[in-house]
PDB file of N, CA and C in Angstrom:
ATOM      1  N   MET A   1      16.274 -10.526 -11.661  1.00  0.00           N
ATOM      2  CA  MET A   1      14.984 -10.828 -11.051  1.00  0.00           C
ATOM      3  C   MET A   1      14.930 -10.270  -9.629  1.00  0.00           C
ATOM      4  N   GLU A   2      15.989 -10.503  -8.874  1.00  0.00           N
ATOM      5  CA  GLU A   2      16.021 -10.030  -7.496  1.00  0.00           C
ATOM      6  C   GLU A   2      15.915  -8.509  -7.442  1.00  0.00           C
ATOM      7  N   LEU A   3      16.603  -7.838  -8.335  1.00  0.00           N
ATOM      8  CA  LEU A   3      16.553  -6.377  -8.366  1.00  0.00           C
ATOM      9  C   LEU A   3      15.139  -5.889  -8.670  1.00  0.00           C
ATOM     10  N   SER A   4      14.444  -6.565  -9.578  1.00  0.00           N
ATOM     11  CA  SER A   4      13.058  -6.200  -9.905  1.00  0.00           C
ATOM     12  C   SER A   4      12.150  -6.322  -8.693  1.00  0.00           C
ATOM     13  N   LEU A   5      12.310  -7.397  -7.929  1.00  0.00           N
ATOM     14  CA  LEU A   5      11.487  -7.590  -6.730  1.00  0.00           C
ATOM     15  C   LEU A   5      11.782  -6.540  -5.673  1.00  0.00           C
ATOM     16  N   ILE A   6      13.044  -6.183  -5.524  1.00  0.00           N
ATOM     17  CA  ILE A   6      13.405  -5.146  -4.557  1.00  0.00           C
ATOM     18  C   ILE A   6      12.797  -3.800  -4.960  1.00  0.00           C
ATOM     19  N   GLN A   7      12.864  -3.482  -6.248  1.00  0.00           N
ATOM     20  CA  GLN A   7      12.274  -2.230  -6.725  1.00  0.00           C
ATOM     21  C   GLN A   7      10.764  -2.233  -6.531  1.00  0.00           C
ATOM     22  N   TYR A   8      10.129  -3.356  -6.788  1.00  0.00           N
ATOM     23  CA  TYR A   8       8.682  -3.470  -6.606  1.00  0.00           C
ATOM     24  C   TYR A   8       8.308  -3.259  -5.139  1.00  0.00           C
ATOM     25  N   ALA A   9       9.045  -3.899  -4.241  1.00  0.00           N
ATOM     26  CA  ALA A   9       8.773  -3.758  -2.809  1.00  0.00           C
ATOM     27  C   ALA A   9       8.994  -2.320  -2.359  1.00  0.00           C
ATOM     28  N   THR A  10      10.014  -1.680  -2.881  1.00  0.00           N
ATOM     29  CA  THR A  10      10.278  -0.281  -2.536  1.00  0.00           C
ATOM     30  C   THR A  10       9.138   0.608  -2.999  1.00  0.00           C
ATOM     31  N   ASN A  11       8.634   0.363  -4.186  1.00  0.00           N
ATOM     32  CA  ASN A  11       7.514   1.154  -4.697  1.00  0.00           C
ATOM     33  C   ASN A  11       6.257   0.939  -3.874  1.00  0.00           C
ATOM     34  N   LEU A  12       6.023  -0.292  -3.409  1.00  0.00           N
ATOM     35  CA  LEU A  12       4.864  -0.557  -2.560  1.00  0.00           C
ATOM     36  C   LEU A  12       4.975   0.198  -1.238  1.00  0.00           C
ATOM     37  N   LYS A  13       6.156   0.189  -0.649  1.00  0.00           N
ATOM     38  CA  LYS A  13       6.355   0.909   0.609  1.00  0.00           C
ATOM     39  C   LYS A  13       6.122   2.398   0.410  1.00  0.00           C
ATOM     40  N   ARG A  14       6.596   2.933  -0.688  1.00  0.00           N
ATOM     41  CA  ARG A  14       6.416   4.354  -0.974  1.00  0.00           C
ATOM     42  C   ARG A  14       4.937   4.672  -1.156  1.00  0.00           C
ATOM     43  N   ALA A  15       4.218   3.824  -1.879  1.00  0.00           N
ATOM     44  CA  ALA A  15       2.788   4.037  -2.098  1.00  0.00           C
ATOM     45  C   ALA A  15       2.023   3.952  -0.783  1.00  0.00           C
ATOM     46  N   ASP A  16       2.407   3.016   0.088  1.00  0.00           N
ATOM     47  CA  ASP A  16       1.740   2.892   1.382  1.00  0.00           C
ATOM     48  C   ASP A  16       1.977   4.129   2.233  1.00  0.00           C
ATOM     49  N   SER A  17       3.147   4.683   2.150  1.00  0.00           N
ATOM     50  CA  SER A  17       3.444   5.863   2.956  1.00  0.00           C
ATOM     51  C   SER A  17       2.741   7.098   2.417  1.00  0.00           C
ATOM     52  N   GLU A  18       2.275   7.045   1.172  1.00  0.00           N
ATOM     53  CA  GLU A  18       1.555   8.172   0.584  1.00  0.00           C
ATOM     54  C   GLU A  18       0.072   8.143   0.944  1.00  0.00           C
ATOM     55  N   GLY A  19      -0.376   7.151   1.664  1.00  0.00           N
ATOM     56  CA  GLY A  19      -1.752   7.153   2.148  1.00  0.00           C
ATOM     57  C   GLY A  19      -2.625   6.029   1.646  1.00  0.00           C
ATOM     58  N   LYS A  20      -2.355   5.488   0.482  1.00  0.00           N
ATOM     59  CA  LYS A  20      -3.191   4.409  -0.041  1.00  0.00           C
ATOM     60  C   LYS A  20      -2.478   3.086   0.165  1.00  0.00           C
ATOM     61  N   SER A  21      -3.107   2.204   0.902  1.00  0.00           N
ATOM     62  CA  SER A  21      -2.511   0.890   1.122  1.00  0.00           C
ATOM     63  C   SER A  21      -2.795  -0.017  -0.068  1.00  0.00           C
ATOM     64  N   LEU A  22      -2.088  -1.104  -0.131  1.00  0.00           N
ATOM     65  CA  LEU A  22      -2.291  -2.056  -1.219  1.00  0.00           C
ATOM     66  C   LEU A  22      -3.716  -2.593  -1.200  1.00  0.00           C
ATOM     67  N   SER A  23      -4.235  -2.885  -0.014  1.00  0.00           N
ATOM     68  CA  SER A  23      -5.590  -3.436   0.063  1.00  0.00           C
ATOM     69  C   SER A  23      -6.633  -2.436  -0.436  1.00  0.00           C
ATOM     70  N   SER A  24      -6.456  -1.160  -0.144  1.00  0.00           N
ATOM     71  CA  SER A  24      -7.431  -0.180  -0.623  1.00  0.00           C
ATOM     72  C   SER A  24      -7.336   0.001  -2.135  1.00  0.00           C
ATOM     73  N   ARG A  25      -6.134  -0.119  -2.684  1.00  0.00           N
ATOM     74  CA  ARG A  25      -5.999  -0.030  -4.135  1.00  0.00           C
ATOM     75  C   ARG A  25      -6.626  -1.242  -4.806  1.00  0.00           C
ATOM     76  N   LEU A  26      -6.490  -2.424  -4.214  1.00  0.00           N
ATOM     77  CA  LEU A  26      -7.091  -3.621  -4.792  1.00  0.00           C
ATOM     78  C   LEU A  26      -8.609  -3.584  -4.703  1.00  0.00           C
ATOM     79  N   ARG A  27      -9.149  -3.034  -3.627  1.00  0.00           N
ATOM     80  CA  ARG A  27     -10.603  -2.919  -3.505  1.00  0.00           C
ATOM     81  C   ARG A  27     -11.165  -2.056  -4.621  1.00  0.00           C
ATOM     82  N   GLY A  28     -10.437  -1.034  -5.027  1.00  0.00           N
ATOM     83  CA  GLY A  28     -10.889  -0.182  -6.119  1.00  0.00           C
ATOM     84  C   GLY A  28     -10.972  -0.922  -7.432  1.00  0.00           C
ATOM     85  N   ILE A  29     -10.163  -1.942  -7.612  1.00  0.00           N
ATOM     86  CA  ILE A  29     -10.171  -2.724  -8.842  1.00  0.00           C
ATOM     87  C   ILE A  29     -11.375  -3.651  -8.875  1.00  0.00           C
ATOM     88  N   ALA A  30     -11.715  -4.222  -7.736  1.00  0.00           N
ATOM     89  CA  ALA A  30     -12.729  -5.278  -7.683  1.00  0.00           C
ATOM     90  C   ALA A  30     -14.078  -4.769  -7.194  1.00  0.00           C
ATOM     91  N   THR A  31     -14.580  -3.726  -7.786  1.00  0.00           N
ATOM     92  CA  THR A  31     -15.890  -3.232  -7.388  1.00  0.00           C
ATOM     93  C   THR A  31     -16.943  -3.729  -8.374  1.00  0.00           C
ATOM     94  N   ALA A  32     -18.032  -4.200  -7.851  1.00  0.00           N
ATOM     95  CA  ALA A  32     -19.136  -4.694  -8.674  1.00  0.00           C
ATOM     96  C   ALA A  32     -20.216  -3.618  -8.759  1.00  0.00           C
ATOM     97  N   PRO A  33     -21.052  -3.682  -9.791  1.00  0.00           N
ATOM     98  CA  PRO A  33     -22.167  -2.743  -9.890  1.00  0.00           C
ATOM     99  C   PRO A  33     -23.086  -2.847  -8.676  1.00  0.00           C
ATOM    100  N   LYS A  34     -23.757  -1.770  -8.347  1.00  0.00           N
ATOM    101  CA  LYS A  34     -24.604  -1.742  -7.147  1.00  0.00           C
ATOM    102  C   LYS A  34     -25.723  -2.766  -7.192  1.00  0.00           C
ATOM    103  N   ASP A  35     -26.259  -3.055  -8.361  1.00  0.00           N
ATOM    104  CA  ASP A  35     -27.374  -3.998  -8.451  1.00  0.00           C
ATOM    105  C   ASP A  35     -26.917  -5.440  -8.700  1.00  0.00           C
ATOM    106  N   PHE A  36     -25.638  -5.724  -8.546  1.00  0.00           N
ATOM    107  CA  PHE A  36     -25.103  -7.062  -8.756  1.00  0.00           C
ATOM    108  C   PHE A  36     -25.530  -7.971  -7.612  1.00  0.00           C
ATOM    109  N   ASP A  37     -26.080  -9.126  -7.950  1.00  0.00           N
ATOM    110  CA  ASP A  37     -26.577 -10.082  -6.951  1.00  0.00           C
ATOM    111  C   ASP A  37     -25.624 -11.282  -6.893  1.00  0.00           C
ATOM    112  N   TYR A  38     -24.808 -11.324  -5.855  1.00  0.00           N
ATOM    113  CA  TYR A  38     -23.813 -12.381  -5.717  1.00  0.00           C
ATOM    114  C   TYR A  38     -24.454 -13.759  -5.607  1.00  0.00           C
ATOM    115  N   LYS A  39     -25.519 -13.865  -4.836  1.00  0.00           N
ATOM    116  CA  LYS A  39     -26.171 -15.167  -4.651  1.00  0.00           C
ATOM    117  C   LYS A  39     -26.720 -15.690  -5.977  1.00  0.00           C
ATOM    118  N   LYS A  40     -27.333 -14.811  -6.743  1.00  0.00           N
ATOM    119  CA  LYS A  40     -27.880 -15.210  -8.035  1.00  0.00           C
ATOM    120  C   LYS A  40     -26.753 -15.611  -8.992  1.00  0.00           C
ATOM    121  N   GLU A  41     -25.677 -14.870  -8.968  1.00  0.00           N
ATOM    122  CA  GLU A  41     -24.529 -15.186  -9.815  1.00  0.00           C
ATOM    123  C   GLU A  41     -23.966 -16.567  -9.475  1.00  0.00           C
ATOM    124  N   LEU A  42     -23.816 -16.873  -8.193  1.00  0.00           N
ATOM    125  CA  LEU A  42     -23.320 -18.183  -7.792  1.00  0.00           C
ATOM    126  C   LEU A  42     -24.273 -19.302  -8.181  1.00  0.00           C
ATOM    127  N   ALA A  43     -25.562 -19.065  -8.011  1.00  0.00           N
ATOM    128  CA  ALA A  43     -26.556 -20.080  -8.370  1.00  0.00           C
ATOM    129  C   ALA A  43     -26.510 -20.367  -9.871  1.00  0.00           C
ATOM    130  N   ASN A  44     -26.378 -19.327 -10.675  1.00  0.00           N
ATOM    131  CA  ASN A  44     -26.307 -19.502 -12.126  1.00  0.00           C
ATOM    132  C   ASN A  44     -25.006 -20.162 -12.556  1.00  0.00           C
ATOM    133  N   ARG A  45     -23.944 -19.897 -11.853  1.00  0.00           N
ATOM    134  CA  ARG A  45     -22.643 -20.427 -12.208  1.00  0.00           C
ATOM    135  C   ARG A  45     -22.608 -21.947 -12.066  1.00  0.00           C
ATOM    136  N   TYR A  46     -23.245 -22.471 -11.024  1.00  0.00           N
ATOM    137  CA  TYR A  46     -23.191 -23.899 -10.767  1.00  0.00           C
ATOM    138  C   TYR A  46     -24.430 -24.648 -11.222  1.00  0.00           C
ATOM    139  N   GLU A  47     -25.292 -23.977 -11.961  1.00  0.00           N
ATOM    140  CA  GLU A  47     -26.509 -24.600 -12.487  1.00  0.00           C
ATOM    141  C   GLU A  47     -26.136 -25.542 -13.621  1.00  0.00           C
ATOM    142  N   VAL A  48     -26.699 -26.733 -13.609  1.00  0.00           N
ATOM    143  CA  VAL A  48     -26.345 -27.726 -14.634  1.00  0.00           C
ATOM    144  C   VAL A  48     -27.441 -27.899 -15.635  1.00  0.00           C
TER     145      VAL A  48
END
């Protein structure tokens, strides 16, 4: 387990040094459509 975590951390450092940070890679995953309405989504989510 420890070796896996060390390898993971090493890969993250290598990726960061290549120009893309972890936060920028995560932002690419969590993109919503341009017409997505967050307020409407929240209102619908908690509507009883």
